[in-house]
Amino acid sequence: MISVVIPTCNRSEYLLSSVLSVVEQSVQPFEVIIVNNGTQEIDKTIQDCSPLIKVVNIMPFAGVSQARNIGVIVSSGKYIAFLDDDDLWGVDYIKKISSYIQETNFDLLVARVDQLKDGEIVSFKSSAKFPLIEDALKFNPGYVGSSLVVKKSSFLKAGGFDVKLITSEDKSLFISMSLLSMKVVHASDMQTILRQHDGERLTNSLTMLKGIECFYFKWSDKMTLNTKLFNKCKLYRYKWLMSKNPLYLILYSILRIYIRIVDFI
């Protein structure tokens, strides 16, 4: 059985389309759990889309990681597919999950990520091109909430999404499960579609800075020297953007040049 968990927080203008991309799948999931951690009630129009839909209201602004974790706990499926409240799936997404379950019995599956820009779907990221832990420690090659499918028992064993992480909780889950030697499948034939919103930034520079700091603190002991410097480079970039202190710009520039030289060698 495959359950779908959709965390949402005051995004009703996008949520309906996301829900429709699930209930109009070529193969239906067992259930669709909308976890509401916002202050707005879920519109009845959305709830009436399908008898598969269940709404769980939790403490407002508990965070997307907490919302996903609670969704998993209350779910009935052996496998859980996550979808954010403003993203979409290709029409055969659930059907392909079922095929991968039969073929691989995966613990974590990561789908390809495309973007919807100005009404056109364009290629964006595929974790299959960068499948190593080291890659995820340096950057995000395609681990987003909407591209992840987990075996429930394995997800719980790995501790779920880390609620202490402000950002990067998705790729951190991949790292945690990989370090436990769980089976990870990169499914480049499965399509997650991220919607881009003009003039709307969900993650600002301050949030990115705090997120990188939290991620670095959590995983620095697993990083090589080069990977640590790579993350420090990102930290200095956002510190420069926040403070405009020229020292951070100098440090960022020096590390960026160094990293390029090392990569070239």
Protein backbone atom coordinates (compact mmCIF):
# COMPACT_ATOMS: atom_id res chain seq x y z
CA MET A 1 0.00 0.00 0.00
CA ILE A 2 1.22 3.49 -0.90
CA SER A 3 0.19 6.49 1.18
CA VAL A 4 0.73 10.08 0.05
CA VAL A 5 1.62 12.77 2.60
CA ILE A 6 1.14 16.43 1.65
CA PRO A 7 2.25 19.00 4.25
CA THR A 8 0.61 22.39 3.80
CA CYS A 9 0.77 25.80 5.45
CA ASN A 10 -1.60 28.50 4.21
CA ARG A 11 -1.04 27.68 0.53
CA SER A 12 -4.64 27.04 -0.59
CA GLU A 13 -4.02 28.80 -3.91
CA TYR A 14 -1.64 25.98 -4.91
CA LEU A 15 -2.86 23.03 -2.85
CA LEU A 16 -5.81 22.08 -5.06
CA SER A 17 -3.63 21.54 -8.14
CA SER A 18 -1.19 19.46 -6.11
CA VAL A 19 -3.99 17.27 -4.75
CA LEU A 20 -5.47 16.84 -8.22
CA SER A 21 -2.10 15.64 -9.53
CA VAL A 22 -2.38 12.82 -6.99
CA VAL A 23 -6.04 11.82 -7.24
CA GLU A 24 -5.86 11.90 -11.07
CA GLN A 25 -2.96 9.43 -11.19
CA SER A 26 -3.21 6.47 -13.56
CA VAL A 27 -2.93 4.26 -10.46
CA GLN A 28 -4.48 5.49 -7.21
CA PRO A 29 -2.64 5.47 -3.86
CA PHE A 30 -4.18 3.88 -0.78
CA GLU A 31 -4.75 7.25 0.90
CA VAL A 32 -3.86 10.94 0.65
CA ILE A 33 -3.02 12.58 3.97
CA ILE A 34 -2.99 16.38 4.01
CA VAL A 35 -1.15 17.59 7.12
CA ASN A 36 -2.20 21.15 7.86
CA ASN A 37 0.25 23.12 9.98
CA GLY A 38 -1.14 26.49 8.94
CA THR A 39 -3.80 28.74 10.42
CA GLN A 40 -6.25 28.36 7.51
CA GLU A 41 -8.72 25.50 7.31
CA ILE A 42 -8.45 23.16 4.32
CA ASP A 43 -11.06 24.18 1.78
CA LYS A 44 -13.98 21.75 1.49
CA THR A 45 -13.53 21.75 -2.29
CA ILE A 46 -10.14 20.15 -1.77
CA GLN A 47 -11.40 17.64 0.78
CA ASP A 48 -14.20 16.59 -1.58
CA CYS A 49 -11.82 15.85 -4.46
CA SER A 50 -11.56 12.21 -3.47
CA PRO A 51 -12.71 9.83 -0.72
CA LEU A 52 -9.02 8.94 -0.32
CA ILE A 53 -8.28 12.33 1.26
CA LYS A 54 -7.77 12.63 5.01
CA VAL A 55 -6.94 15.93 6.73
CA VAL A 56 -4.80 16.05 9.87
CA ASN A 57 -4.55 19.41 11.65
CA ILE A 58 -1.48 19.97 13.80
CA MET A 59 0.02 22.90 15.69
CA PRO A 60 0.31 25.94 13.38
CA PHE A 61 3.78 26.54 11.96
CA ALA A 62 5.21 23.34 13.39
CA GLY A 63 7.34 23.14 10.26
CA VAL A 64 7.39 21.01 7.14
CA SER A 65 9.61 18.30 8.66
CA GLN A 66 7.32 17.87 11.65
CA ALA A 67 4.27 17.85 9.37
CA ARG A 68 5.77 15.13 7.16
CA ASN A 69 6.82 13.05 10.17
CA ILE A 70 3.33 13.21 11.67
CA GLY A 71 1.84 12.31 8.29
CA VAL A 72 4.00 9.18 8.21
CA ILE A 73 3.04 8.20 11.76
CA VAL A 74 -0.71 8.38 11.07
CA SER A 75 -0.43 6.75 7.63
CA SER A 76 -1.44 3.16 6.93
CA GLY A 77 0.76 2.48 3.90
CA LYS A 78 3.92 0.40 3.84
CA TYR A 79 5.40 3.03 1.52
CA ILE A 80 5.01 6.80 1.78
CA ALA A 81 5.31 9.29 -1.09
CA PHE A 82 5.78 12.95 -0.14
CA LEU A 83 4.42 15.88 -2.15
CA ASP A 84 4.71 19.54 -1.18
CA ASP A 85 1.59 21.66 -1.39
CA ASP A 86 2.70 23.61 -4.46
CA ASP A 87 4.29 20.83 -6.52
CA LEU A 88 3.00 18.26 -9.00
CA TRP A 89 3.68 14.72 -10.20
CA GLY A 90 3.69 13.11 -13.61
CA VAL A 91 0.50 11.10 -14.23
CA ASP A 92 2.21 7.68 -13.84
CA TYR A 93 4.13 8.55 -10.66
CA ILE A 94 2.27 6.12 -8.36
CA LYS A 95 2.25 3.41 -11.04
CA LYS A 96 6.04 3.62 -11.33
CA ILE A 97 6.46 3.56 -7.55
CA SER A 98 4.60 0.24 -7.53
CA SER A 99 6.92 -1.13 -10.23
CA TYR A 100 10.04 -0.08 -8.33
CA ILE A 101 8.70 -1.65 -5.12
CA GLN A 102 8.28 -4.98 -6.91
CA GLU A 103 11.63 -4.76 -8.70
CA THR A 104 13.89 -3.38 -5.96
CA ASN A 105 12.14 -3.36 -2.55
CA PHE A 106 13.78 0.02 -1.93
CA ASP A 107 14.04 1.89 1.36
CA LEU A 108 14.28 5.30 -0.31
CA LEU A 109 13.41 6.27 -3.87
CA VAL A 110 14.36 9.63 -5.39
CA ALA A 111 12.57 10.84 -8.50
CA ARG A 112 13.78 13.24 -11.20
CA VAL A 113 12.98 16.91 -10.58
CA ASP A 114 11.69 19.19 -13.33
CA GLN A 115 10.46 22.79 -13.07
CA LEU A 116 7.30 24.50 -14.26
CA LYS A 117 8.25 27.97 -15.49
CA ASP A 118 5.90 30.29 -17.38
CA GLY A 119 3.64 27.38 -18.24
CA GLU A 120 6.47 25.23 -19.61
CA ILE A 121 8.05 22.18 -17.95
CA VAL A 122 11.85 22.23 -18.16
CA SER A 123 14.54 19.84 -16.96
CA PHE A 124 16.07 20.74 -13.59
CA LYS A 125 17.81 18.09 -11.46
CA SER A 126 18.32 14.34 -11.27
CA SER A 127 20.02 12.77 -8.26
CA ALA A 128 20.98 9.82 -10.50
CA LYS A 129 23.79 11.99 -11.88
CA PHE A 130 25.22 12.58 -8.38
CA PRO A 131 24.24 9.54 -6.27
CA LEU A 132 26.99 9.67 -3.62
CA ILE A 133 26.79 10.89 -0.02
CA GLU A 134 29.71 13.20 -0.78
CA ASP A 135 27.64 14.89 -3.48
CA ALA A 136 24.76 15.58 -1.08
CA LEU A 137 27.17 16.94 1.54
CA LYS A 138 28.35 19.56 -0.98
CA PHE A 139 25.15 20.56 -2.77
CA ASN A 140 21.61 19.37 -3.50
CA PRO A 141 21.54 17.29 -6.71
CA GLY A 142 17.77 16.73 -6.57
CA TYR A 143 16.64 15.76 -3.08
CA VAL A 144 13.42 17.68 -2.47
CA GLY A 145 10.42 16.66 -0.40
CA SER A 146 8.25 16.05 -3.46
CA SER A 147 10.77 13.68 -5.05
CA LEU A 148 11.11 11.30 -2.10
CA VAL A 149 9.36 7.98 -1.50
CA VAL A 150 10.21 5.91 1.59
CA LYS A 151 9.51 2.54 3.10
CA LYS A 152 7.75 3.51 6.34
CA SER A 153 9.67 1.15 8.62
CA SER A 154 13.03 2.29 7.20
CA PHE A 155 12.06 5.96 7.45
CA LEU A 156 11.20 5.57 11.13
CA LYS A 157 14.39 3.61 11.78
CA ALA A 158 16.40 6.48 10.25
CA GLY A 159 14.66 8.98 12.54
CA GLY A 160 12.51 10.66 9.89
CA PHE A 161 13.08 14.24 8.80
CA ASP A 162 15.31 16.18 11.19
CA VAL A 163 13.07 18.92 12.65
CA LYS A 164 16.16 20.85 13.79
CA LEU A 165 17.24 21.51 10.22
CA ILE A 166 15.87 24.74 8.79
CA THR A 167 16.70 23.68 5.24
CA SER A 168 18.28 20.59 3.61
CA GLU A 169 16.13 18.19 5.63
CA ASP A 170 15.42 16.27 2.42
CA LYS A 171 19.02 15.55 1.43
CA SER A 172 19.85 14.95 5.10
CA LEU A 173 17.32 12.10 5.10
CA PHE A 174 19.13 10.58 2.11
CA ILE A 175 22.45 10.82 3.98
CA SER A 176 21.00 9.24 7.14
CA MET A 177 19.44 6.33 5.30
CA SER A 178 22.55 5.77 3.16
CA LEU A 179 24.80 5.66 6.23
CA LEU A 180 22.52 2.93 7.60
CA SER A 181 23.22 0.96 4.40
CA MET A 182 19.61 1.20 3.30
CA LYS A 183 18.72 0.63 -0.34
CA VAL A 184 18.44 3.90 -2.28
CA VAL A 185 17.04 3.97 -5.83
CA HIS A 186 17.41 6.97 -8.15
CA ALA A 187 14.45 6.92 -10.53
CA SER A 188 15.18 9.26 -13.42
CA ASP A 189 12.05 8.04 -15.26
CA MET A 190 9.75 9.41 -12.52
CA GLN A 191 8.78 13.08 -12.72
CA THR A 192 8.38 15.53 -9.88
CA ILE A 193 7.44 19.04 -11.02
CA LEU A 194 8.44 22.05 -8.91
CA ARG A 195 6.36 25.13 -9.56
CA GLN A 196 8.27 28.41 -9.68
CA HIS A 197 6.41 31.45 -8.34
CA ASP A 198 7.26 34.86 -9.76
CA GLY A 199 8.22 37.37 -7.09
CA GLU A 200 7.92 34.83 -4.28
CA ARG A 201 10.96 33.62 -2.33
CA LEU A 202 10.10 30.92 0.19
CA THR A 203 13.70 30.72 1.40
CA ASN A 204 15.46 34.06 1.95
CA SER A 205 19.19 34.68 2.52
CA LEU A 206 18.89 34.62 6.32
CA THR A 207 17.05 31.29 6.25
CA MET A 208 19.61 29.88 3.82
CA LEU A 209 22.47 31.03 6.05
CA LYS A 210 20.96 29.44 9.16
CA GLY A 211 20.10 26.32 7.19
CA ILE A 212 23.67 25.85 5.91
CA GLU A 213 25.03 26.42 9.43
CA CYS A 214 22.69 23.78 10.90
CA PHE A 215 23.48 21.30 8.13
CA TYR A 216 27.23 21.87 8.53
CA PHE A 217 27.01 21.38 12.30
CA LYS A 218 25.10 18.11 11.84
CA TRP A 219 27.30 16.54 9.17
CA SER A 220 30.76 18.15 9.38
CA ASP A 221 32.24 14.99 10.90
CA LYS A 222 31.31 13.13 7.70
CA MET A 223 32.84 15.74 5.41
CA THR A 224 36.23 15.72 3.74
CA LEU A 225 38.36 18.87 4.00
CA ASN A 226 37.35 19.88 0.49
CA THR A 227 33.66 19.40 1.30
CA LYS A 228 34.00 21.45 4.48
CA LEU A 229 35.58 24.27 2.50
CA PHE A 230 32.81 23.98 -0.08
CA ASN A 231 30.22 24.53 2.67
CA LYS A 232 32.25 27.33 4.23
CA CYS A 233 32.27 28.99 0.82
CA LYS A 234 28.45 28.92 0.77
CA LEU A 235 28.34 30.29 4.33
CA TYR A 236 30.58 33.25 3.45
CA ARG A 237 28.46 33.97 0.39
CA TYR A 238 25.27 34.30 2.42
CA LYS A 239 27.04 36.20 5.19
CA TRP A 240 28.17 38.67 2.53
CA LEU A 241 24.63 38.94 1.17
CA MET A 242 23.29 39.59 4.67
CA SER A 243 25.91 41.99 6.03
CA LYS A 244 27.73 43.38 2.98
CA ASN A 245 30.89 43.05 5.05
CA PRO A 246 33.76 42.98 2.50
CA LEU A 247 35.67 40.46 4.64
CA TYR A 248 33.09 37.78 3.83
CA LEU A 249 33.28 38.62 0.14
CA ILE A 250 37.07 38.24 0.25
CA LEU A 251 36.87 34.90 2.09
CA TYR A 252 34.18 33.67 -0.30
CA SER A 253 36.24 34.65 -3.34
CA ILE A 254 39.42 33.01 -2.02
CA LEU A 255 37.67 29.73 -1.21
CA ARG A 256 35.86 29.70 -4.55
CA ILE A 257 39.15 30.07 -6.43
CA TYR A 258 40.79 27.39 -4.27
CA ILE A 259 37.94 24.93 -4.84
CA ARG A 260 38.07 25.47 -8.61
CA ILE A 261 41.83 24.83 -8.62
CA VAL A 262 41.46 21.63 -6.54
CA ASP A 263 38.63 20.37 -8.76
CA PHE A 264 40.72 21.10 -11.85
CA ILE A 265 43.73 19.21 -10.47
